Amino acid sequence: MKQILILDDKDIRHLHFKKKFIGKALLTHVYTAKQCIEALNEFTFDAVYLDHDLRSEMEESGPDTGYEVAEWLSLHPDKKPKDIYIHSLNPDGRENMKKILPEAIEQPCFIF
């Protein structure tokens, strides 16, 4: 069964992913960039879903955003999951993450 890591600050989105992958994958849910990096460093995942903004408002790329995780993955290619997905409503954040993770796939973000 696939191991998937999901970074998002919204419980409702975590619930959406849970429903989407029920019976298809084992999910690990994290809410902060620090938690995500710790999980990626400690475990092996088949896929990771990255949100950019991890607080309520749209933010510039930097610490405590999904960009921090994307940057970390670019520096630790041995820890990169096979599939990387970006699901963010922040167009600048998505673009910045894609610049350092060009292999990442953009996914629609579910607005809740």
C-alpha atoms as a PDB file:
ATOM      1  CA  MET A   1       0.000   0.000   0.000  1.00  0.00           C
ATOM      2  CA  LYS A   2       1.312   3.477  -0.855  1.00  0.00           C
ATOM      3  CA  GLN A   3       2.627   5.739   1.880  1.00  0.00           C
ATOM      4  CA  ILE A   4       1.537   9.353   1.384  1.00  0.00           C
ATOM      5  CA  LEU A   5       2.526  12.449   3.364  1.00  0.00           C
ATOM      6  CA  ILE A   6       0.123  15.399   3.335  1.00  0.00           C
ATOM      7  CA  LEU A   7       1.126  18.905   4.418  1.00  0.00           C
ATOM      8  CA  ASP A   8      -1.830  21.212   4.955  1.00  0.00           C
ATOM      9  CA  ASP A   9      -2.956  23.520   7.747  1.00  0.00           C
ATOM     10  CA  LYS A  10      -6.676  22.820   7.310  1.00  0.00           C
ATOM     11  CA  ASP A  11      -8.374  19.833   8.966  1.00  0.00           C
ATOM     12  CA  ILE A  12     -11.110  19.894   6.317  1.00  0.00           C
ATOM     13  CA  ARG A  13      -8.523  19.300   3.576  1.00  0.00           C
ATOM     14  CA  HIS A  14      -6.971  16.470   5.567  1.00  0.00           C
ATOM     15  CA  LEU A  15     -10.453  14.947   5.736  1.00  0.00           C
ATOM     16  CA  HIS A  16     -10.818  15.332   1.963  1.00  0.00           C
ATOM     17  CA  PHE A  17      -7.537  13.455   1.397  1.00  0.00           C
ATOM     18  CA  LYS A  18      -8.600  10.783   3.864  1.00  0.00           C
ATOM     19  CA  LYS A  19     -11.798  10.196   1.861  1.00  0.00           C
ATOM     20  CA  LYS A  20      -9.940  10.330  -1.466  1.00  0.00           C
ATOM     21  CA  PHE A  21      -7.428   7.653  -0.474  1.00  0.00           C
ATOM     22  CA  ILE A  22      -9.543   5.423   1.787  1.00  0.00           C
ATOM     23  CA  GLY A  23      -8.407   1.853   1.291  1.00  0.00           C
ATOM     24  CA  LYS A  24      -5.802   2.936  -1.279  1.00  0.00           C
ATOM     25  CA  ALA A  25      -2.990   4.412   0.789  1.00  0.00           C
ATOM     26  CA  LEU A  26      -1.652   4.960   4.275  1.00  0.00           C
ATOM     27  CA  LEU A  27      -1.652   8.662   5.065  1.00  0.00           C
ATOM     28  CA  THR A  28       0.489  10.729   7.364  1.00  0.00           C
ATOM     29  CA  HIS A  29      -0.976  14.178   8.048  1.00  0.00           C
ATOM     30  CA  VAL A  30       1.184  17.104   9.140  1.00  0.00           C
ATOM     31  CA  TYR A  31       0.370  20.785   9.670  1.00  0.00           C
ATOM     32  CA  THR A  32       3.743  22.562   9.692  1.00  0.00           C
ATOM     33  CA  ALA A  33       6.828  22.691   7.508  1.00  0.00           C
ATOM     34  CA  LYS A  34       8.907  21.471  10.465  1.00  0.00           C
ATOM     35  CA  GLN A  35       6.674  18.404  10.970  1.00  0.00           C
ATOM     36  CA  CYS A  36       6.804  17.648   7.246  1.00  0.00           C
ATOM     37  CA  ILE A  37      10.600  17.834   7.072  1.00  0.00           C
ATOM     38  CA  GLU A  38      10.917  15.658  10.173  1.00  0.00           C
ATOM     39  CA  ALA A  39       8.631  13.014   8.619  1.00  0.00           C
ATOM     40  CA  LEU A  40      10.471  13.109   5.273  1.00  0.00           C
ATOM     41  CA  ASN A  41      13.784  12.774   7.062  1.00  0.00           C
ATOM     42  CA  GLU A  42      12.641   9.836   9.179  1.00  0.00           C
ATOM     43  CA  PHE A  43      10.390   7.807   6.844  1.00  0.00           C
ATOM     44  CA  THR A  44      10.107   6.864   3.189  1.00  0.00           C
ATOM     45  CA  PHE A  45       7.012   8.051   1.306  1.00  0.00           C
ATOM     46  CA  ASP A  46       5.744   7.224  -2.155  1.00  0.00           C
ATOM     47  CA  ALA A  47       4.149  10.658  -2.513  1.00  0.00           C
ATOM     48  CA  VAL A  48       3.891  14.008  -0.781  1.00  0.00           C
ATOM     49  CA  TYR A  49       1.190  16.660  -1.167  1.00  0.00           C
ATOM     50  CA  LEU A  50       2.408  20.159  -0.299  1.00  0.00           C
ATOM     51  CA  ASP A  51       0.338  23.210   0.534  1.00  0.00           C
ATOM     52  CA  HIS A  52       2.192  26.532   0.432  1.00  0.00           C
ATOM     53  CA  ASP A  53       0.400  28.720   2.975  1.00  0.00           C
ATOM     54  CA  LEU A  54       0.296  27.103   6.382  1.00  0.00           C
ATOM     55  CA  ARG A  55      -1.583  29.877   8.119  1.00  0.00           C
ATOM     56  CA  SER A  56      -4.800  31.605   7.147  1.00  0.00           C
ATOM     57  CA  GLU A  57      -3.439  34.282   4.832  1.00  0.00           C
ATOM     58  CA  MET A  58      -1.404  34.057   1.639  1.00  0.00           C
ATOM     59  CA  GLU A  59       2.258  34.453   2.412  1.00  0.00           C
ATOM     60  CA  GLU A  60       5.525  35.054   0.648  1.00  0.00           C
ATOM     61  CA  SER A  61       7.647  31.958   0.203  1.00  0.00           C
ATOM     62  CA  GLY A  62       9.979  31.400   3.109  1.00  0.00           C
ATOM     63  CA  PRO A  63      10.132  29.832   6.549  1.00  0.00           C
ATOM     64  CA  ASP A  64       7.038  28.056   7.818  1.00  0.00           C
ATOM     65  CA  THR A  65       5.561  27.585   4.322  1.00  0.00           C
ATOM     66  CA  GLY A  66       5.455  24.686   1.908  1.00  0.00           C
ATOM     67  CA  TYR A  67       8.306  26.436   0.097  1.00  0.00           C
ATOM     68  CA  GLU A  68      10.567  25.592   3.055  1.00  0.00           C
ATOM     69  CA  VAL A  69       9.758  21.901   2.488  1.00  0.00           C
ATOM     70  CA  ALA A  70      10.274  22.196  -1.277  1.00  0.00           C
ATOM     71  CA  GLU A  71      13.638  23.832  -0.656  1.00  0.00           C
ATOM     72  CA  TRP A  72      14.618  21.082   1.799  1.00  0.00           C
ATOM     73  CA  LEU A  73      13.635  18.390  -0.715  1.00  0.00           C
ATOM     74  CA  SER A  74      15.731  20.060  -3.412  1.00  0.00           C
ATOM     75  CA  LEU A  75      18.727  19.866  -1.067  1.00  0.00           C
ATOM     76  CA  HIS A  76      18.014  16.234  -0.062  1.00  0.00           C
ATOM     77  CA  PRO A  77      17.216  14.385  -3.300  1.00  0.00           C
ATOM     78  CA  ASP A  78      17.660  11.025  -1.563  1.00  0.00           C
ATOM     79  CA  LYS A  79      14.594  11.851   0.573  1.00  0.00           C
ATOM     80  CA  LYS A  80      12.321  12.903  -2.321  1.00  0.00           C
ATOM     81  CA  PRO A  81       9.227  10.792  -2.785  1.00  0.00           C
ATOM     82  CA  LYS A  82       8.623   9.486  -6.305  1.00  0.00           C
ATOM     83  CA  ASP A  83       5.576  11.755  -6.674  1.00  0.00           C
ATOM     84  CA  ILE A  84       5.403  15.351  -5.444  1.00  0.00           C
ATOM     85  CA  TYR A  85       2.167  17.327  -5.699  1.00  0.00           C
ATOM     86  CA  ILE A  86       1.590  21.008  -4.975  1.00  0.00           C
ATOM     87  CA  HIS A  87      -1.927  22.008  -3.944  1.00  0.00           C
ATOM     88  CA  SER A  88      -2.060  25.686  -3.047  1.00  0.00           C
ATOM     89  CA  LEU A  89      -4.382  28.599  -3.740  1.00  0.00           C
ATOM     90  CA  ASN A  90      -1.375  30.945  -3.706  1.00  0.00           C
ATOM     91  CA  PRO A  91      -0.246  31.311  -7.353  1.00  0.00           C
ATOM     92  CA  ASP A  92       3.084  32.930  -6.442  1.00  0.00           C
ATOM     93  CA  GLY A  93       3.752  30.248  -3.832  1.00  0.00           C
ATOM     94  CA  ARG A  94       2.984  27.470  -6.339  1.00  0.00           C
ATOM     95  CA  GLU A  95       5.264  29.068  -8.914  1.00  0.00           C
ATOM     96  CA  ASN A  96       8.124  29.445  -6.416  1.00  0.00           C
ATOM     97  CA  MET A  97       7.796  25.815  -5.329  1.00  0.00           C
ATOM     98  CA  LYS A  98       7.739  24.630  -8.968  1.00  0.00           C
ATOM     99  CA  LYS A  99      10.955  26.555  -9.666  1.00  0.00           C
ATOM    100  CA  ILE A 100      12.902  24.472  -7.184  1.00  0.00           C
ATOM    101  CA  LEU A 101      10.885  21.259  -7.706  1.00  0.00           C
ATOM    102  CA  PRO A 102      10.230  21.251 -11.469  1.00  0.00           C
ATOM    103  CA  GLU A 103       9.148  17.607 -11.347  1.00  0.00           C
ATOM    104  CA  ALA A 104       6.274  18.445  -8.999  1.00  0.00           C
ATOM    105  CA  ILE A 105       2.735  18.216 -10.325  1.00  0.00           C
ATOM    106  CA  GLU A 106       0.263  20.999  -9.583  1.00  0.00           C
ATOM    107  CA  GLN A 107      -3.047  19.747  -8.221  1.00  0.00           C
ATOM    108  CA  PRO A 108      -6.244  21.716  -7.778  1.00  0.00           C
ATOM    109  CA  CYS A 109      -6.683  23.018  -4.272  1.00  0.00           C
ATOM    110  CA  PHE A 110     -10.013  22.297  -2.674  1.00  0.00           C
ATOM    111  CA  ILE A 111     -11.535  25.447  -1.221  1.00  0.00           C
ATOM    112  CA  PHE A 112     -13.216  24.872   2.132  1.00  0.00           C
END
